[in-house]
Amino acid sequence: MRWFLISLGFLIISWIFFVASFGFASQAQAETWACSYKFESMENAKTQIFIREGETFRSIVPAGDTYTYKIVGERDFSIHLYKPTDDGGMVVAALYKKSKKWDHRLLSPLAPGGLEAASGNYIIY
């Protein structure tokens, strides 16, 4: 009888730890942003998708290419992203959470005037 009570006690304690471990599990914070934009040189607006993957965002552009942006700053009202380009320039983007707007800047030695900019609205999924 004594071994039965000891075994039952271990079973109950194990069950309590098992149930309590679910309370400490972190929730996945998946974010997908669908951003519309239009550069001055474009006729029609395009959509760029940003998918959060930990400390980065994977971006999918209309041509189907994917890029990885590093999160360089995040606050309650904005997320700032950065991606270097092959020509020595950089792409910076800011997603403004409360106003549902975003800005995108291409700083490149090959862009006219060294800068190409776009801004627009977004939807978060």
PDB file of N, CA and C in Angstrom:
ATOM      1  N   MET A   1       0.823  -1.199   0.000  1.00  0.00           N
ATOM      2  CA  MET A   1       0.000   0.000   0.000  1.00  0.00           C
ATOM      3  C   MET A   1       0.864   1.258   0.000  1.00  0.00           C
ATOM      4  N   ARG A   2       1.966   1.177   0.757  1.00  0.00           N
ATOM      5  CA  ARG A   2       2.859   2.330   0.851  1.00  0.00           C
ATOM      6  C   ARG A   2       3.442   2.685  -0.513  1.00  0.00           C
ATOM      7  N   TRP A   3       3.869   1.696  -1.311  1.00  0.00           N
ATOM      8  CA  TRP A   3       4.442   1.952  -2.637  1.00  0.00           C
ATOM      9  C   TRP A   3       3.381   2.494  -3.596  1.00  0.00           C
ATOM     10  N   PHE A   4       2.167   2.046  -3.419  1.00  0.00           N
ATOM     11  CA  PHE A   4       1.076   2.575  -4.241  1.00  0.00           C
ATOM     12  C   PHE A   4       0.878   4.064  -3.988  1.00  0.00           C
ATOM     13  N   LEU A   5       0.884   4.489  -2.727  1.00  0.00           N
ATOM     14  CA  LEU A   5       0.707   5.904  -2.381  1.00  0.00           C
ATOM     15  C   LEU A   5       1.883   6.746  -2.879  1.00  0.00           C
ATOM     16  N   ILE A   6       3.080   6.206  -2.782  1.00  0.00           N
ATOM     17  CA  ILE A   6       4.266   6.930  -3.287  1.00  0.00           C
ATOM     18  C   ILE A   6       4.166   7.086  -4.803  1.00  0.00           C
ATOM     19  N   SER A   7       3.794   6.013  -5.494  1.00  0.00           N
ATOM     20  CA  SER A   7       3.641   6.076  -6.948  1.00  0.00           C
ATOM     21  C   SER A   7       2.538   7.047  -7.339  1.00  0.00           C
ATOM     22  N   LEU A   8       1.440   7.030  -6.611  1.00  0.00           N
ATOM     23  CA  LEU A   8       0.342   7.950  -6.878  1.00  0.00           C
ATOM     24  C   LEU A   8       0.783   9.394  -6.646  1.00  0.00           C
ATOM     25  N   GLY A   9       1.565   9.627  -5.620  1.00  0.00           N
ATOM     26  CA  GLY A   9       2.084  10.968  -5.344  1.00  0.00           C
ATOM     27  C   GLY A   9       2.978  11.459  -6.479  1.00  0.00           C
ATOM     28  N   PHE A  10       3.871  10.610  -6.957  1.00  0.00           N
ATOM     29  CA  PHE A  10       4.733  10.986  -8.083  1.00  0.00           C
ATOM     30  C   PHE A  10       3.910  11.258  -9.340  1.00  0.00           C
ATOM     31  N   LEU A  11       2.878  10.460  -9.558  1.00  0.00           N
ATOM     32  CA  LEU A  11       2.006  10.656 -10.709  1.00  0.00           C
ATOM     33  C   LEU A  11       1.297  12.014 -10.634  1.00  0.00           C
ATOM     34  N   ILE A  12       0.799  12.352  -9.462  1.00  0.00           N
ATOM     35  CA  ILE A  12       0.108  13.629  -9.288  1.00  0.00           C
ATOM     36  C   ILE A  12       1.076  14.797  -9.475  1.00  0.00           C
ATOM     37  N   ILE A  13       2.257  14.708  -8.897  1.00  0.00           N
ATOM     38  CA  ILE A  13       3.261  15.782  -9.043  1.00  0.00           C
ATOM     39  C   ILE A  13       3.681  15.916 -10.498  1.00  0.00           C
ATOM     40  N   SER A  14       3.884  14.799 -11.192  1.00  0.00           N
ATOM     41  CA  SER A  14       4.261  14.851 -12.616  1.00  0.00           C
ATOM     42  C   SER A  14       3.163  15.509 -13.434  1.00  0.00           C
ATOM     43  N   TRP A  15       1.915  15.157 -13.141  1.00  0.00           N
ATOM     44  CA  TRP A  15       0.782  15.739 -13.858  1.00  0.00           C
ATOM     45  C   TRP A  15       0.695  17.242 -13.607  1.00  0.00           C
ATOM     46  N   ILE A  16       0.940  17.701 -12.392  1.00  0.00           N
ATOM     47  CA  ILE A  16       0.920  19.139 -12.072  1.00  0.00           C
ATOM     48  C   ILE A  16       2.006  19.864 -12.856  1.00  0.00           C
ATOM     49  N   PHE A  17       3.222  19.319 -12.910  1.00  0.00           N
ATOM     50  CA  PHE A  17       4.295  19.954 -13.684  1.00  0.00           C
ATOM     51  C   PHE A  17       3.971  19.972 -15.173  1.00  0.00           C
ATOM     52  N   PHE A  18       3.374  18.898 -15.664  1.00  0.00           N
ATOM     53  CA  PHE A  18       3.000  18.841 -17.077  1.00  0.00           C
ATOM     54  C   PHE A  18       1.975  19.920 -17.422  1.00  0.00           C
ATOM     55  N   VAL A  19       0.939  20.048 -16.608  1.00  0.00           N
ATOM     56  CA  VAL A  19      -0.098  21.055 -16.854  1.00  0.00           C
ATOM     57  C   VAL A  19       0.479  22.460 -16.694  1.00  0.00           C
ATOM     58  N   ALA A  20       1.307  22.685 -15.691  1.00  0.00           N
ATOM     59  CA  ALA A  20       1.893  24.015 -15.450  1.00  0.00           C
ATOM     60  C   ALA A  20       2.835  24.429 -16.569  1.00  0.00           C
ATOM     61  N   SER A  21       3.479  23.464 -17.227  1.00  0.00           N
ATOM     62  CA  SER A  21       4.424  23.809 -18.291  1.00  0.00           C
ATOM     63  C   SER A  21       3.733  24.479 -19.470  1.00  0.00           C
ATOM     64  N   PHE A  22       2.453  24.225 -19.694  1.00  0.00           N
ATOM     65  CA  PHE A  22       1.726  24.894 -20.769  1.00  0.00           C
ATOM     66  C   PHE A  22       1.523  26.365 -20.480  1.00  0.00           C
ATOM     67  N   GLY A  23       1.475  26.731 -19.230  1.00  0.00           N
ATOM     68  CA  GLY A  23       1.318  28.141 -18.864  1.00  0.00           C
ATOM     69  C   GLY A  23       2.563  28.962 -19.132  1.00  0.00           C
ATOM     70  N   PHE A  24       3.727  28.319 -19.215  1.00  0.00           N
ATOM     71  CA  PHE A  24       4.975  29.024 -19.450  1.00  0.00           C
ATOM     72  C   PHE A  24       5.398  29.041 -20.906  1.00  0.00           C
ATOM     73  N   ALA A  25       4.693  28.342 -21.748  1.00  0.00           N
ATOM     74  CA  ALA A  25       5.053  28.296 -23.170  1.00  0.00           C
ATOM     75  C   ALA A  25       4.834  29.664 -23.796  1.00  0.00           C
ATOM     76  N   SER A  26       5.768  30.087 -24.623  1.00  0.00           N
ATOM     77  CA  SER A  26       5.617  31.389 -25.282  1.00  0.00           C
ATOM     78  C   SER A  26       4.749  31.240 -26.521  1.00  0.00           C
ATOM     79  N   GLN A  27       3.952  32.246 -26.760  1.00  0.00           N
ATOM     80  CA  GLN A  27       3.101  32.218 -27.934  1.00  0.00           C
ATOM     81  C   GLN A  27       3.896  32.692 -29.141  1.00  0.00           C
ATOM     82  N   ALA A  28       3.656  32.088 -30.277  1.00  0.00           N
ATOM     83  CA  ALA A  28       4.283  32.534 -31.518  1.00  0.00           C
ATOM     84  C   ALA A  28       3.598  33.822 -31.959  1.00  0.00           C
ATOM     85  N   GLN A  29       4.381  34.804 -32.311  1.00  0.00           N
ATOM     86  CA  GLN A  29       3.844  36.091 -32.727  1.00  0.00           C
ATOM     87  C   GLN A  29       4.047  36.239 -34.227  1.00  0.00           C
ATOM     88  N   ALA A  30       3.231  35.562 -34.972  1.00  0.00           N
ATOM     89  CA  ALA A  30       3.341  35.640 -36.422  1.00  0.00           C
ATOM     90  C   ALA A  30       2.720  36.936 -36.906  1.00  0.00           C
ATOM     91  N   GLU A  31       3.424  37.603 -37.778  1.00  0.00           N
ATOM     92  CA  GLU A  31       2.918  38.839 -38.364  1.00  0.00           C
ATOM     93  C   GLU A  31       3.143  38.783 -39.860  1.00  0.00           C
ATOM     94  N   THR A  32       2.142  39.143 -40.607  1.00  0.00           N
ATOM     95  CA  THR A  32       2.277  39.294 -42.042  1.00  0.00           C
ATOM     96  C   THR A  32       1.701  40.644 -42.416  1.00  0.00           C
ATOM     97  N   TRP A  33       2.496  41.448 -43.095  1.00  0.00           N
ATOM     98  CA  TRP A  33       2.096  42.794 -43.510  1.00  0.00           C
ATOM     99  C   TRP A  33       2.003  42.813 -45.032  1.00  0.00           C
ATOM    100  N   ALA A  34       0.885  43.248 -45.565  1.00  0.00           N
ATOM    101  CA  ALA A  34       0.713  43.415 -47.009  1.00  0.00           C
ATOM    102  C   ALA A  34       0.727  44.918 -47.287  1.00  0.00           C
ATOM    103  N   CYS A  35       1.793  45.397 -47.911  1.00  0.00           N
ATOM    104  CA  CYS A  35       1.997  46.833 -48.116  1.00  0.00           C
ATOM    105  C   CYS A  35       1.871  47.183 -49.591  1.00  0.00           C
ATOM    106  N   SER A  36       1.038  48.157 -49.889  1.00  0.00           N
ATOM    107  CA  SER A  36       0.945  48.641 -51.272  1.00  0.00           C
ATOM    108  C   SER A  36       1.892  49.821 -51.434  1.00  0.00           C
ATOM    109  N   TYR A  37       2.456  49.953 -52.624  1.00  0.00           N
ATOM    110  CA  TYR A  37       3.385  51.058 -52.869  1.00  0.00           C
ATOM    111  C   TYR A  37       3.390  51.426 -54.338  1.00  0.00           C
ATOM    112  N   LYS A  38       3.891  52.618 -54.597  1.00  0.00           N
ATOM    113  CA  LYS A  38       4.012  53.091 -55.980  1.00  0.00           C
ATOM    114  C   LYS A  38       5.174  54.068 -56.055  1.00  0.00           C
ATOM    115  N   PHE A  39       6.239  53.668 -56.727  1.00  0.00           N
ATOM    116  CA  PHE A  39       7.335  54.588 -56.992  1.00  0.00           C
ATOM    117  C   PHE A  39       6.884  55.588 -58.045  1.00  0.00           C
ATOM    118  N   GLU A  40       7.514  56.743 -58.077  1.00  0.00           N
ATOM    119  CA  GLU A  40       7.144  57.769 -59.060  1.00  0.00           C
ATOM    120  C   GLU A  40       7.283  57.266 -60.492  1.00  0.00           C
ATOM    121  N   SER A  41       8.224  56.360 -60.724  1.00  0.00           N
ATOM    122  CA  SER A  41       8.471  55.853 -62.066  1.00  0.00           C
ATOM    123  C   SER A  41       7.497  54.746 -62.487  1.00  0.00           C
ATOM    124  N   MET A  42       6.586  54.326 -61.594  1.00  0.00           N
ATOM    125  CA  MET A  42       5.673  53.222 -61.897  1.00  0.00           C
ATOM    126  C   MET A  42       4.297  53.737 -62.309  1.00  0.00           C
ATOM    127  N   GLU A  43       3.648  52.980 -63.178  1.00  0.00           N
ATOM    128  CA  GLU A  43       2.287  53.330 -63.583  1.00  0.00           C
ATOM    129  C   GLU A  43       1.262  52.872 -62.561  1.00  0.00           C
ATOM    130  N   ASN A  44       1.380  51.627 -62.091  1.00  0.00           N
ATOM    131  CA  ASN A  44       0.398  51.046 -61.169  1.00  0.00           C
ATOM    132  C   ASN A  44       1.044  50.713 -59.830  1.00  0.00           C
ATOM    133  N   ALA A  45       0.229  50.685 -58.801  1.00  0.00           N
ATOM    134  CA  ALA A  45       0.713  50.318 -57.471  1.00  0.00           C
ATOM    135  C   ALA A  45       1.027  48.827 -57.417  1.00  0.00           C
ATOM    136  N   LYS A  46       1.963  48.457 -56.576  1.00  0.00           N
ATOM    137  CA  LYS A  46       2.360  47.064 -56.363  1.00  0.00           C
ATOM    138  C   LYS A  46       2.146  46.720 -54.895  1.00  0.00           C
ATOM    139  N   THR A  47       2.225  45.440 -54.581  1.00  0.00           N
ATOM    140  CA  THR A  47       2.102  44.986 -53.198  1.00  0.00           C
ATOM    141  C   THR A  47       3.364  44.240 -52.807  1.00  0.00           C
ATOM    142  N   GLN A  48       3.870  44.557 -51.630  1.00  0.00           N
ATOM    143  CA  GLN A  48       5.024  43.869 -51.074  1.00  0.00           C
ATOM    144  C   GLN A  48       4.583  43.240 -49.760  1.00  0.00           C
ATOM    145  N   ILE A  49       4.923  41.977 -49.559  1.00  0.00           N
ATOM    146  CA  ILE A  49       4.528  41.231 -48.368  1.00  0.00           C
ATOM    147  C   ILE A  49       5.729  41.140 -47.431  1.00  0.00           C
ATOM    148  N   PHE A  50       5.520  41.435 -46.148  1.00  0.00           N
ATOM    149  CA  PHE A  50       6.544  41.280 -45.114  1.00  0.00           C
ATOM    150  C   PHE A  50       6.054  40.237 -44.116  1.00  0.00           C
ATOM    151  N   ILE A  51       6.864  39.201 -43.869  1.00  0.00           N
ATOM    152  CA  ILE A  51       6.509  38.135 -42.936  1.00  0.00           C
ATOM    153  C   ILE A  51       7.565  38.090 -41.838  1.00  0.00           C
ATOM    154  N   ARG A  52       7.129  38.289 -40.592  1.00  0.00           N
ATOM    155  CA  ARG A  52       8.081  38.281 -39.464  1.00  0.00           C
ATOM    156  C   ARG A  52       8.592  36.865 -39.242  1.00  0.00           C
ATOM    157  N   GLU A  53       9.923  36.780 -39.099  1.00  0.00           N
ATOM    158  CA  GLU A  53      10.586  35.520 -38.774  1.00  0.00           C
ATOM    159  C   GLU A  53      11.611  35.816 -37.696  1.00  0.00           C
ATOM    160  N   GLY A  54      11.170  35.870 -36.458  1.00  0.00           N
ATOM    161  CA  GLY A  54      12.053  36.176 -35.337  1.00  0.00           C
ATOM    162  C   GLY A  54      12.490  37.627 -35.359  1.00  0.00           C
ATOM    163  N   GLU A  55      13.790  37.857 -35.510  1.00  0.00           N
ATOM    164  CA  GLU A  55      14.348  39.210 -35.518  1.00  0.00           C
ATOM    165  C   GLU A  55      14.476  39.785 -36.924  1.00  0.00           C
ATOM    166  N   THR A  56      13.872  39.126 -37.893  1.00  0.00           N
ATOM    167  CA  THR A  56      13.923  39.602 -39.275  1.00  0.00           C
ATOM    168  C   THR A  56      12.529  39.563 -39.893  1.00  0.00           C
ATOM    169  N   PHE A  57      12.402  40.192 -41.038  1.00  0.00           N
ATOM    170  CA  PHE A  57      11.204  40.085 -41.860  1.00  0.00           C
ATOM    171  C   PHE A  57      11.629  39.553 -43.218  1.00  0.00           C
ATOM    172  N   ARG A  58      10.930  38.540 -43.713  1.00  0.00           N
ATOM    173  CA  ARG A  58      11.144  38.063 -45.074  1.00  0.00           C
ATOM    174  C   ARG A  58      10.173  38.832 -45.950  1.00  0.00           C
ATOM    175  N   SER A  59      10.677  39.383 -47.035  1.00  0.00           N
ATOM    176  CA  SER A  59       9.860  40.202 -47.921  1.00  0.00           C
ATOM    177  C   SER A  59       9.701  39.503 -49.257  1.00  0.00           C
ATOM    178  N   ILE A  60       8.467  39.509 -49.766  1.00  0.00           N
ATOM    179  CA  ILE A  60       8.174  38.940 -51.082  1.00  0.00           C
ATOM    180  C   ILE A  60       7.662  40.076 -51.952  1.00  0.00           C
ATOM    181  N   VAL A  61       8.333  40.286 -53.080  1.00  0.00           N
ATOM    182  CA  VAL A  61       7.966  41.367 -53.997  1.00  0.00           C
ATOM    183  C   VAL A  61       7.176  40.793 -55.173  1.00  0.00           C
ATOM    184  N   PRO A  62       6.496  41.670 -55.958  1.00  0.00           N
ATOM    185  CA  PRO A  62       5.639  41.185 -57.046  1.00  0.00           C
ATOM    186  C   PRO A  62       6.322  40.235 -58.024  1.00  0.00           C
ATOM    187  N   ALA A  63       7.610  40.406 -58.275  1.00  0.00           N
ATOM    188  CA  ALA A  63       8.305  39.530 -59.221  1.00  0.00           C
ATOM    189  C   ALA A  63       8.527  38.132 -58.649  1.00  0.00           C
ATOM    190  N   GLY A  64       8.232  37.952 -57.347  1.00  0.00           N
ATOM    191  CA  GLY A  64       8.406  36.657 -56.716  1.00  0.00           C
ATOM    192  C   GLY A  64       9.706  36.517 -55.958  1.00  0.00           C
ATOM    193  N   ASP A  65      10.589  37.507 -56.058  1.00  0.00           N
ATOM    194  CA  ASP A  65      11.851  37.458 -55.326  1.00  0.00           C
ATOM    195  C   ASP A  65      11.595  37.644 -53.831  1.00  0.00           C
ATOM    196  N   THR A  66      12.468  37.063 -53.013  1.00  0.00           N
ATOM    197  CA  THR A  66      12.364  37.248 -51.567  1.00  0.00           C
ATOM    198  C   THR A  66      13.640  37.892 -51.044  1.00  0.00           C
ATOM    199  N   TYR A  67      13.481  38.724 -50.038  1.00  0.00           N
ATOM    200  CA  TYR A  67      14.596  39.432 -49.412  1.00  0.00           C
ATOM    201  C   TYR A  67      14.430  39.351 -47.906  1.00  0.00           C
ATOM    202  N   THR A  68      15.538  39.437 -47.185  1.00  0.00           N
ATOM    203  CA  THR A  68      15.488  39.431 -45.730  1.00  0.00           C
ATOM    204  C   THR A  68      15.876  40.799 -45.211  1.00  0.00           C
ATOM    205  N   TYR A  69      15.000  41.377 -44.409  1.00  0.00           N
ATOM    206  CA  TYR A  69      15.232  42.664 -43.765  1.00  0.00           C
ATOM    207  C   TYR A  69      15.509  42.433 -42.290  1.00  0.00           C
ATOM    208  N   LYS A  70      16.520  43.099 -41.763  1.00  0.00           N
ATOM    209  CA  LYS A  70      16.836  43.031 -40.344  1.00  0.00           C
ATOM    210  C   LYS A  70      16.020  44.098 -39.614  1.00  0.00           C
ATOM    211  N   ILE A  71      15.464  43.743 -38.454  1.00  0.00           N
ATOM    212  CA  ILE A  71      14.765  44.724 -37.630  1.00  0.00           C
ATOM    213  C   ILE A  71      15.828  45.512 -36.861  1.00  0.00           C
ATOM    214  N   VAL A  72      15.914  46.818 -37.123  1.00  0.00           N
ATOM    215  CA  VAL A  72      16.904  47.647 -36.435  1.00  0.00           C
ATOM    216  C   VAL A  72      16.275  48.442 -35.296  1.00  0.00           C
ATOM    217  N   GLY A  73      14.973  48.501 -35.238  1.00  0.00           N
ATOM    218  CA  GLY A  73      14.299  49.187 -34.141  1.00  0.00           C
ATOM    219  C   GLY A  73      12.820  48.864 -34.155  1.00  0.00           C
ATOM    220  N   GLU A  74      12.262  48.649 -32.963  1.00  0.00           N
ATOM    221  CA  GLU A  74      10.820  48.397 -32.871  1.00  0.00           C
ATOM    222  C   GLU A  74      10.295  49.061 -31.615  1.00  0.00           C
ATOM    223  N   ARG A  75       9.236  49.814 -31.808  1.00  0.00           N
ATOM    224  CA  ARG A  75       8.558  50.485 -30.696  1.00  0.00           C
ATOM    225  C   ARG A  75       7.067  50.185 -30.798  1.00  0.00           C
ATOM    226  N   ASP A  76       6.293  50.735 -29.875  1.00  0.00           N
ATOM    227  CA  ASP A  76       4.845  50.528 -29.898  1.00  0.00           C
ATOM    228  C   ASP A  76       4.212  51.070 -31.173  1.00  0.00           C
ATOM    229  N   PHE A  77       4.815  52.070 -31.785  1.00  0.00           N
ATOM    230  CA  PHE A  77       4.199  52.735 -32.935  1.00  0.00           C
ATOM    231  C   PHE A  77       4.887  52.451 -34.257  1.00  0.00           C
ATOM    232  N   SER A  78       6.070  51.824 -34.271  1.00  0.00           N
ATOM    233  CA  SER A  78       6.754  51.609 -35.543  1.00  0.00           C
ATOM    234  C   SER A  78       7.747  50.448 -35.482  1.00  0.00           C
ATOM    235  N   ILE A  79       8.053  49.929 -36.674  1.00  0.00           N
ATOM    236  CA  ILE A  79       9.108  48.932 -36.859  1.00  0.00           C
ATOM    237  C   ILE A  79      10.013  49.464 -37.964  1.00  0.00           C
ATOM    238  N   HIS A  80      11.317  49.512 -37.721  1.00  0.00           N
ATOM    239  CA  HIS A  80      12.281  49.994 -38.706  1.00  0.00           C
ATOM    240  C   HIS A  80      13.111  48.822 -39.212  1.00  0.00           C
ATOM    241  N   LEU A  81      13.192  48.701 -40.536  1.00  0.00           N
ATOM    242  CA  LEU A  81      13.860  47.579 -41.187  1.00  0.00           C
ATOM    243  C   LEU A  81      15.014  48.072 -42.055  1.00  0.00           C
ATOM    244  N   TYR A  82      16.007  47.196 -42.271  1.00  0.00           N
ATOM    245  CA  TYR A  82      17.197  47.540 -43.054  1.00  0.00           C
ATOM    246  C   TYR A  82      17.627  46.329 -43.876  1.00  0.00           C
ATOM    247  N   LYS A  83      18.060  46.604 -45.123  1.00  0.00           N
ATOM    248  CA  LYS A  83      18.609  45.549 -45.980  1.00  0.00           C
ATOM    249  C   LYS A  83      19.686  46.155 -46.859  1.00  0.00           C
ATOM    250  N   PRO A  84      20.913  45.626 -46.824  1.00  0.00           N
ATOM    251  CA  PRO A  84      21.937  46.117 -47.742  1.00  0.00           C
ATOM    252  C   PRO A  84      21.655  45.656 -49.172  1.00  0.00           C
ATOM    253  N   THR A  85      22.120  46.434 -50.156  1.00  0.00           N
ATOM    254  CA  THR A  85      21.949  46.060 -51.563  1.00  0.00           C
ATOM    255  C   THR A  85      23.287  45.628 -52.149  1.00  0.00           C
ATOM    256  N   ASP A  86      23.226  44.955 -53.287  1.00  0.00           N
ATOM    257  CA  ASP A  86      24.443  44.455 -53.932  1.00  0.00           C
ATOM    258  C   ASP A  86      25.350  45.565 -54.439  1.00  0.00           C
ATOM    259  N   ASP A  87      24.783  46.759 -54.727  1.00  0.00           N
ATOM    260  CA  ASP A  87      25.582  47.847 -55.286  1.00  0.00           C
ATOM    261  C   ASP A  87      26.179  48.762 -54.208  1.00  0.00           C
ATOM    262  N   GLY A  88      26.134  48.326 -52.950  1.00  0.00           N
ATOM    263  CA  GLY A  88      26.714  49.129 -51.878  1.00  0.00           C
ATOM    264  C   GLY A  88      25.731  50.092 -51.235  1.00  0.00           C
ATOM    265  N   GLY A  89      24.506  50.072 -51.668  1.00  0.00           N
ATOM    266  CA  GLY A  89      23.490  50.930 -51.083  1.00  0.00           C
ATOM    267  C   GLY A  89      22.721  50.203 -49.994  1.00  0.00           C
ATOM    268  N   MET A  90      21.537  50.710 -49.688  1.00  0.00           N
ATOM    269  CA  MET A  90      20.714  50.069 -48.683  1.00  0.00           C
ATOM    270  C   MET A  90      19.244  50.372 -48.932  1.00  0.00           C
ATOM    271  N   VAL A  91      18.413  49.509 -48.411  1.00  0.00           N
ATOM    272  CA  VAL A  91      16.976  49.723 -48.427  1.00  0.00           C
ATOM    273  C   VAL A  91      16.550  49.857 -46.968  1.00  0.00           C
ATOM    274  N   VAL A  92      15.818  50.907 -46.670  1.00  0.00           N
ATOM    275  CA  VAL A  92      15.270  51.082 -45.333  1.00  0.00           C
ATOM    276  C   VAL A  92      13.756  51.174 -45.454  1.00  0.00           C
ATOM    277  N   ALA A  93      13.072  50.619 -44.486  1.00  0.00           N
ATOM    278  CA  ALA A  93      11.609  50.653 -44.486  1.00  0.00           C
ATOM    279  C   ALA A  93      11.138  50.921 -43.065  1.00  0.00           C
ATOM    280  N   ALA A  94      10.040  51.634 -42.963  1.00  0.00           N
ATOM    281  CA  ALA A  94       9.416  51.897 -41.666  1.00  0.00           C
ATOM    282  C   ALA A  94       7.949  51.525 -41.763  1.00  0.00           C
ATOM    283  N   LEU A  95       7.498  50.671 -40.864  1.00  0.00           N
ATOM    284  CA  LEU A  95       6.099  50.266 -40.789  1.00  0.00           C
ATOM    285  C   LEU A  95       5.504  50.969 -39.572  1.00  0.00           C
ATOM    286  N   TYR A  96       4.576  51.877 -39.803  1.00  0.00           N
ATOM    287  CA  TYR A  96       3.968  52.649 -38.716  1.00  0.00           C
ATOM    288  C   TYR A  96       2.687  51.951 -38.281  1.00  0.00           C
ATOM    289  N   LYS A  97       2.691  51.390 -37.082  1.00  0.00           N
ATOM    290  CA  LYS A  97       1.624  50.508 -36.619  1.00  0.00           C
ATOM    291  C   LYS A  97       0.282  51.216 -36.455  1.00  0.00           C
ATOM    292  N   LYS A  98       0.259  52.374 -35.850  1.00  0.00           N
ATOM    293  CA  LYS A  98      -1.020  53.016 -35.517  1.00  0.00           C
ATOM    294  C   LYS A  98      -1.670  53.713 -36.704  1.00  0.00           C
ATOM    295  N   SER A  99      -0.872  54.291 -37.589  1.00  0.00           N
ATOM    296  CA  SER A  99      -1.445  55.032 -38.722  1.00  0.00           C
ATOM    297  C   SER A  99      -1.689  54.153 -39.943  1.00  0.00           C
ATOM    298  N   LYS A 100      -1.219  52.883 -39.882  1.00  0.00           N
ATOM    299  CA  LYS A 100      -1.357  51.940 -41.002  1.00  0.00           C
ATOM    300  C   LYS A 100      -0.709  52.461 -42.288  1.00  0.00           C
ATOM    301  N   LYS A 101       0.417  53.146 -42.134  1.00  0.00           N
ATOM    302  CA  LYS A 101       1.196  53.654 -43.267  1.00  0.00           C
ATOM    303  C   LYS A 101       2.574  53.009 -43.224  1.00  0.00           C
ATOM    304  N   TRP A 102       3.263  53.083 -44.348  1.00  0.00           N
ATOM    305  CA  TRP A 102       4.645  52.612 -44.380  1.00  0.00           C
ATOM    306  C   TRP A 102       5.437  53.437 -45.361  1.00  0.00           C
ATOM    307  N   ASP A 103       6.744  53.513 -45.128  1.00  0.00           N
ATOM    308  CA  ASP A 103       7.680  54.210 -46.007  1.00  0.00           C
ATOM    309  C   ASP A 103       8.776  53.242 -46.403  1.00  0.00           C
ATOM    310  N   HIS A 104       9.266  53.421 -47.622  1.00  0.00           N
ATOM    311  CA  HIS A 104      10.293  52.544 -48.177  1.00  0.00           C
ATOM    312  C   HIS A 104      11.271  53.427 -48.929  1.00  0.00           C
ATOM    313  N   ARG A 105      12.558  53.332 -48.628  1.00  0.00           N
ATOM    314  CA  ARG A 105      13.571  54.151 -49.286  1.00  0.00           C
ATOM    315  C   ARG A 105      14.693  53.265 -49.807  1.00  0.00           C
ATOM    316  N   LEU A 106      15.032  53.480 -51.063  1.00  0.00           N
ATOM    317  CA  LEU A 106      16.174  52.815 -51.671  1.00  0.00           C
ATOM    318  C   LEU A 106      17.265  53.858 -51.811  1.00  0.00           C
ATOM    319  N   LEU A 107      18.342  53.674 -51.070  1.00  0.00           N
ATOM    320  CA  LEU A 107      19.491  54.575 -51.142  1.00  0.00           C
ATOM    321  C   LEU A 107      20.577  53.839 -51.906  1.00  0.00           C
ATOM    322  N   SER A 108      20.788  54.239 -53.158  1.00  0.00           N
ATOM    323  CA  SER A 108      21.674  53.487 -54.029  1.00  0.00           C
ATOM    324  C   SER A 108      22.466  54.413 -54.926  1.00  0.00           C
ATOM    325  N   PRO A 109      23.735  54.099 -55.174  1.00  0.00           N
ATOM    326  CA  PRO A 109      24.518  54.889 -56.116  1.00  0.00           C
ATOM    327  C   PRO A 109      23.976  54.788 -57.544  1.00  0.00           C
ATOM    328  N   LEU A 110      23.169  53.743 -57.834  1.00  0.00           N
ATOM    329  CA  LEU A 110      22.644  53.557 -59.181  1.00  0.00           C
ATOM    330  C   LEU A 110      21.267  54.195 -59.393  1.00  0.00           C
ATOM    331  N   ALA A 111      20.575  54.554 -58.309  1.00  0.00           N
ATOM    332  CA  ALA A 111      19.246  55.180 -58.440  1.00  0.00           C
ATOM    333  C   ALA A 111      19.426  56.635 -58.862  1.00  0.00           C
ATOM    334  N   PRO A 112      18.469  57.189 -59.625  1.00  0.00           N
ATOM    335  CA  PRO A 112      18.575  58.591 -60.028  1.00  0.00           C
ATOM    336  C   PRO A 112      18.599  59.495 -58.800  1.00  0.00           C
ATOM    337  N   GLY A 113      19.641  60.289 -58.682  1.00  0.00           N
ATOM    338  CA  GLY A 113      19.772  61.155 -57.512  1.00  0.00           C
ATOM    339  C   GLY A 113      20.159  60.395 -56.257  1.00  0.00           C
ATOM    340  N   GLY A 114      20.424  59.094 -56.379  1.00  0.00           N
ATOM    341  CA  GLY A 114      20.834  58.283 -55.234  1.00  0.00           C
ATOM    342  C   GLY A 114      19.693  57.843 -54.337  1.00  0.00           C
ATOM    343  N   LEU A 115      18.460  58.253 -54.655  1.00  0.00           N
ATOM    344  CA  LEU A 115      17.334  57.935 -53.773  1.00  0.00           C
ATOM    345  C   LEU A 115      16.089  57.626 -54.583  1.00  0.00           C
ATOM    346  N   GLU A 116      15.417  56.569 -54.217  1.00  0.00           N
ATOM    347  CA  GLU A 116      14.111  56.257 -54.776  1.00  0.00           C
ATOM    348  C   GLU A 116      13.206  55.963 -53.587  1.00  0.00           C
ATOM    349  N   ALA A 117      12.036  56.560 -53.540  1.00  0.00           N
ATOM    350  CA  ALA A 117      11.179  56.452 -52.359  1.00  0.00           C
ATOM    351  C   ALA A 117       9.786  56.012 -52.729  1.00  0.00           C
ATOM    352  N   ALA A 118       9.137  55.327 -51.806  1.00  0.00           N
ATOM    353  CA  ALA A 118       7.746  54.927 -51.955  1.00  0.00           C
ATOM    354  C   ALA A 118       7.094  54.941 -50.593  1.00  0.00           C
ATOM    355  N   SER A 119       5.803  55.153 -50.558  1.00  0.00           N
ATOM    356  CA  SER A 119       5.057  55.052 -49.325  1.00  0.00           C
ATOM    357  C   SER A 119       3.644  54.613 -49.666  1.00  0.00           C
ATOM    358  N   GLY A 120       2.921  54.160 -48.684  1.00  0.00           N
ATOM    359  CA  GLY A 120       1.560  53.718 -48.938  1.00  0.00           C
ATOM    360  C   GLY A 120       0.896  53.205 -47.690  1.00  0.00           C
ATOM    361  N   ASN A 121      -0.138  52.417 -47.870  1.00  0.00           N
ATOM    362  CA  ASN A 121      -0.918  51.848 -46.782  1.00  0.00           C
ATOM    363  C   ASN A 121      -0.627  50.356 -46.658  1.00  0.00           C
ATOM    364  N   TYR A 122      -1.051  49.760 -45.555  1.00  0.00           N
ATOM    365  CA  TYR A 122      -0.850  48.333 -45.398  1.00  0.00           C
ATOM    366  C   TYR A 122      -2.004  47.705 -44.644  1.00  0.00           C
ATOM    367  N   ILE A 123      -2.041  46.380 -44.702  1.00  0.00           N
ATOM    368  CA  ILE A 123      -2.985  45.566 -43.936  1.00  0.00           C
ATOM    369  C   ILE A 123      -2.153  44.528 -43.188  1.00  0.00           C
ATOM    370  N   ILE A 124      -2.435  44.301 -41.914  1.00  0.00           N
ATOM    371  CA  ILE A 124      -1.734  43.284 -41.135  1.00  0.00           C
ATOM    372  C   ILE A 124      -2.621  42.043 -41.067  1.00  0.00           C
ATOM    373  N   TYR A 125      -2.026  40.879 -41.374  1.00  0.00           N
ATOM    374  CA  TYR A 125      -2.751  39.601 -41.282  1.00  0.00           C
ATOM    375  C   TYR A 125      -2.218  38.813 -40.115  1.00  0.00           C
TER     376      TYR A 125
END
